[in-house]
């Protein structure tokens, strides 16, 4: 996951200068940066030591229903 995110970041940075002025480029860059920021958390949540109470806290903070018991 980290490698793929880094590839996207590098590809985004290597786009022509004219494209970097587009709103779509800025949105893409922001999305990639945000993903790279939360990626360590995602990796930590994948560990078996994460308890249901941790998942309940994440659900409460995000306001999203997460099916953490089924990894698929």
N, C-alpha and C. Protein backbone atom coordinates (compact mmCIF):
# COMPACT_ATOMS: atom_id res chain seq x y z
N UNK A 1 0.81 -1.18 0.00
CA UNK A 1 0.00 0.00 0.00
C UNK A 1 0.87 1.26 0.00
N UNK A 2 1.91 1.23 0.83
CA UNK A 2 2.79 2.40 0.90
C UNK A 2 3.51 2.64 -0.43
N UNK A 3 3.94 1.55 -1.05
CA UNK A 3 4.64 1.67 -2.33
C UNK A 3 3.71 2.25 -3.40
N UNK A 4 2.50 1.78 -3.44
CA UNK A 4 1.54 2.27 -4.44
C UNK A 4 1.23 3.75 -4.22
N UNK A 5 1.03 4.14 -2.98
CA UNK A 5 0.76 5.55 -2.67
C UNK A 5 1.94 6.42 -3.07
N UNK A 6 3.15 5.93 -2.83
CA UNK A 6 4.33 6.69 -3.20
C UNK A 6 4.47 6.81 -4.72
N UNK A 7 4.13 5.74 -5.44
CA UNK A 7 4.17 5.79 -6.91
C UNK A 7 3.19 6.84 -7.43
N UNK A 8 1.99 6.87 -6.87
CA UNK A 8 1.01 7.88 -7.27
C UNK A 8 1.51 9.29 -6.97
N UNK A 9 2.12 9.46 -5.81
CA UNK A 9 2.64 10.77 -5.44
C UNK A 9 3.72 11.22 -6.42
N UNK A 10 4.65 10.32 -6.75
CA UNK A 10 5.72 10.67 -7.67
C UNK A 10 5.19 10.94 -9.07
N UNK A 11 4.21 10.16 -9.50
CA UNK A 11 3.61 10.39 -10.81
C UNK A 11 2.92 11.74 -10.84
N UNK A 12 2.24 12.06 -9.77
CA UNK A 12 1.54 13.35 -9.67
C UNK A 12 2.54 14.50 -9.74
N UNK A 13 3.66 14.35 -9.06
CA UNK A 13 4.67 15.40 -9.04
C UNK A 13 5.36 15.57 -10.39
N UNK A 14 5.39 14.51 -11.19
CA UNK A 14 6.10 14.57 -12.47
C UNK A 14 5.20 15.02 -13.63
N UNK A 15 3.97 15.36 -13.35
CA UNK A 15 3.08 15.84 -14.40
C UNK A 15 3.58 17.19 -14.93
N UNK A 16 3.22 17.52 -16.16
CA UNK A 16 3.65 18.81 -16.72
C UNK A 16 3.18 20.00 -15.88
N UNK A 17 3.96 21.04 -15.93
CA UNK A 17 3.70 22.24 -15.12
C UNK A 17 2.32 22.83 -15.38
N UNK A 18 1.89 22.83 -16.64
CA UNK A 18 0.58 23.39 -16.98
C UNK A 18 -0.56 22.65 -16.27
N UNK A 19 -0.43 21.35 -16.13
CA UNK A 19 -1.48 20.56 -15.47
C UNK A 19 -1.55 20.86 -13.98
N UNK A 20 -0.44 21.24 -13.39
CA UNK A 20 -0.40 21.49 -11.95
C UNK A 20 -1.23 22.69 -11.53
N UNK A 21 -1.66 23.47 -12.48
CA UNK A 21 -2.51 24.62 -12.18
C UNK A 21 -3.99 24.26 -12.17
N UNK A 22 -4.34 23.09 -12.66
CA UNK A 22 -5.73 22.67 -12.74
C UNK A 22 -6.25 22.30 -11.35
N UNK A 23 -7.52 22.54 -11.14
CA UNK A 23 -8.16 22.18 -9.87
C UNK A 23 -8.12 20.67 -9.65
N UNK A 24 -8.26 19.89 -10.73
CA UNK A 24 -8.23 18.43 -10.60
C UNK A 24 -6.88 17.96 -10.08
N UNK A 25 -5.80 18.60 -10.52
CA UNK A 25 -4.46 18.24 -10.04
C UNK A 25 -4.35 18.54 -8.55
N UNK A 26 -4.82 19.70 -8.16
CA UNK A 26 -4.74 20.09 -6.75
C UNK A 26 -5.56 19.15 -5.88
N UNK A 27 -6.73 18.74 -6.37
CA UNK A 27 -7.56 17.78 -5.63
C UNK A 27 -6.87 16.44 -5.51
N UNK A 28 -6.27 15.98 -6.60
CA UNK A 28 -5.56 14.71 -6.60
C UNK A 28 -4.39 14.75 -5.63
N UNK A 29 -3.62 15.81 -5.69
CA UNK A 29 -2.46 15.95 -4.80
C UNK A 29 -2.89 15.94 -3.34
N UNK A 30 -3.97 16.66 -3.04
CA UNK A 30 -4.49 16.70 -1.68
C UNK A 30 -4.96 15.31 -1.23
N UNK A 31 -5.64 14.60 -2.12
CA UNK A 31 -6.12 13.24 -1.78
C UNK A 31 -4.95 12.31 -1.49
N UNK A 32 -3.92 12.38 -2.31
CA UNK A 32 -2.74 11.53 -2.10
C UNK A 32 -2.07 11.88 -0.77
N UNK A 33 -1.91 13.16 -0.49
CA UNK A 33 -1.29 13.58 0.76
C UNK A 33 -2.11 13.14 1.97
N UNK A 34 -3.42 13.27 1.88
CA UNK A 34 -4.30 12.84 2.98
C UNK A 34 -4.20 11.34 3.20
N UNK A 35 -4.16 10.58 2.10
CA UNK A 35 -4.07 9.13 2.22
C UNK A 35 -2.75 8.74 2.87
N UNK A 36 -1.66 9.36 2.45
CA UNK A 36 -0.36 9.04 3.03
C UNK A 36 -0.31 9.40 4.52
N UNK A 37 -1.09 10.39 4.91
CA UNK A 37 -1.13 10.79 6.31
C UNK A 37 -1.84 9.75 7.18
N UNK A 38 -2.91 9.15 6.66
CA UNK A 38 -3.66 8.17 7.45
C UNK A 38 -3.18 6.74 7.24
N UNK A 39 -2.30 6.52 6.28
CA UNK A 39 -1.83 5.17 5.99
C UNK A 39 -1.20 4.48 7.20
N UNK A 40 -0.37 5.15 7.99
CA UNK A 40 0.17 4.47 9.19
C UNK A 40 -0.94 3.98 10.13
N UNK A 41 -2.00 4.74 10.26
CA UNK A 41 -3.13 4.33 11.10
C UNK A 41 -3.80 3.09 10.52
N UNK A 42 -3.98 3.08 9.22
CA UNK A 42 -4.60 1.92 8.57
C UNK A 42 -3.75 0.68 8.79
N UNK A 43 -2.44 0.83 8.68
CA UNK A 43 -1.53 -0.30 8.89
C UNK A 43 -1.62 -0.80 10.32
N UNK A 44 -1.67 0.12 11.27
CA UNK A 44 -1.79 -0.28 12.68
C UNK A 44 -3.11 -0.99 12.96
N UNK A 45 -4.19 -0.52 12.34
CA UNK A 45 -5.50 -1.13 12.57
C UNK A 45 -5.58 -2.54 12.00
N UNK A 46 -4.68 -2.89 11.13
CA UNK A 46 -4.66 -4.21 10.52
C UNK A 46 -4.11 -5.28 11.48
N UNK A 47 -3.39 -4.85 12.49
CA UNK A 47 -2.76 -5.78 13.42
C UNK A 47 -3.79 -6.53 14.25
N UNK A 48 -3.44 -7.77 14.59
CA UNK A 48 -4.35 -8.62 15.38
C UNK A 48 -4.52 -8.10 16.80
N UNK A 49 -3.63 -7.27 17.29
CA UNK A 49 -3.71 -6.78 18.66
C UNK A 49 -4.77 -5.69 18.84
N UNK A 50 -5.34 -5.22 17.75
CA UNK A 50 -6.37 -4.19 17.84
C UNK A 50 -7.65 -4.84 18.39
N UNK A 51 -8.14 -4.27 19.46
CA UNK A 51 -9.30 -4.82 20.15
C UNK A 51 -10.60 -4.22 19.60
N UNK A 52 -11.72 -4.90 19.82
CA UNK A 52 -13.00 -4.34 19.39
C UNK A 52 -13.27 -2.94 19.93
N UNK A 53 -12.79 -2.64 21.12
CA UNK A 53 -13.00 -1.30 21.67
C UNK A 53 -12.28 -0.24 20.85
N UNK A 54 -11.13 -0.61 20.25
CA UNK A 54 -10.43 0.33 19.38
C UNK A 54 -11.27 0.60 18.13
N UNK A 55 -11.84 -0.46 17.59
CA UNK A 55 -12.68 -0.31 16.39
C UNK A 55 -13.92 0.51 16.70
N UNK A 56 -14.49 0.31 17.87
CA UNK A 56 -15.67 1.08 18.26
C UNK A 56 -15.33 2.56 18.36
N UNK A 57 -14.14 2.87 18.86
CA UNK A 57 -13.70 4.26 18.94
C UNK A 57 -13.53 4.86 17.55
N UNK A 58 -12.95 4.10 16.62
CA UNK A 58 -12.79 4.58 15.24
C UNK A 58 -14.15 4.81 14.61
N UNK A 59 -15.08 3.89 14.83
CA UNK A 59 -16.43 4.05 14.29
C UNK A 59 -17.10 5.30 14.85
N UNK A 60 -16.90 5.55 16.14
CA UNK A 60 -17.50 6.73 16.76
C UNK A 60 -16.91 8.02 16.22
N UNK A 61 -15.60 8.03 15.99
CA UNK A 61 -14.94 9.23 15.48
C UNK A 61 -15.28 9.52 14.02
N UNK A 62 -15.41 8.45 13.23
CA UNK A 62 -15.67 8.65 11.80
C UNK A 62 -17.15 8.74 11.47
N UNK A 63 -17.98 8.19 12.35
CA UNK A 63 -19.41 8.17 12.07
C UNK A 63 -19.78 7.16 10.99
N UNK A 64 -18.87 6.22 10.73
CA UNK A 64 -19.08 5.20 9.69
C UNK A 64 -19.22 3.83 10.33
N UNK A 65 -20.02 3.00 9.70
CA UNK A 65 -20.17 1.62 10.16
C UNK A 65 -19.06 0.79 9.52
N UNK A 66 -18.24 0.15 10.33
CA UNK A 66 -17.11 -0.64 9.83
C UNK A 66 -17.30 -2.10 10.20
N UNK A 67 -17.10 -2.97 9.24
CA UNK A 67 -17.17 -4.40 9.50
C UNK A 67 -15.74 -4.89 9.76
N UNK A 68 -15.26 -4.68 10.97
CA UNK A 68 -13.88 -5.01 11.30
C UNK A 68 -13.66 -6.49 11.56
N UNK A 69 -14.72 -7.26 11.75
CA UNK A 69 -14.57 -8.69 12.03
C UNK A 69 -14.34 -9.49 10.76
N UNK A 70 -14.72 -8.96 9.61
CA UNK A 70 -14.54 -9.64 8.34
C UNK A 70 -13.54 -8.82 7.50
N UNK A 71 -12.30 -9.31 7.35
CA UNK A 71 -11.29 -8.53 6.65
C UNK A 71 -11.58 -8.35 5.14
N UNK A 72 -12.47 -9.16 4.59
CA UNK A 72 -12.78 -9.02 3.19
C UNK A 72 -13.73 -7.87 2.98
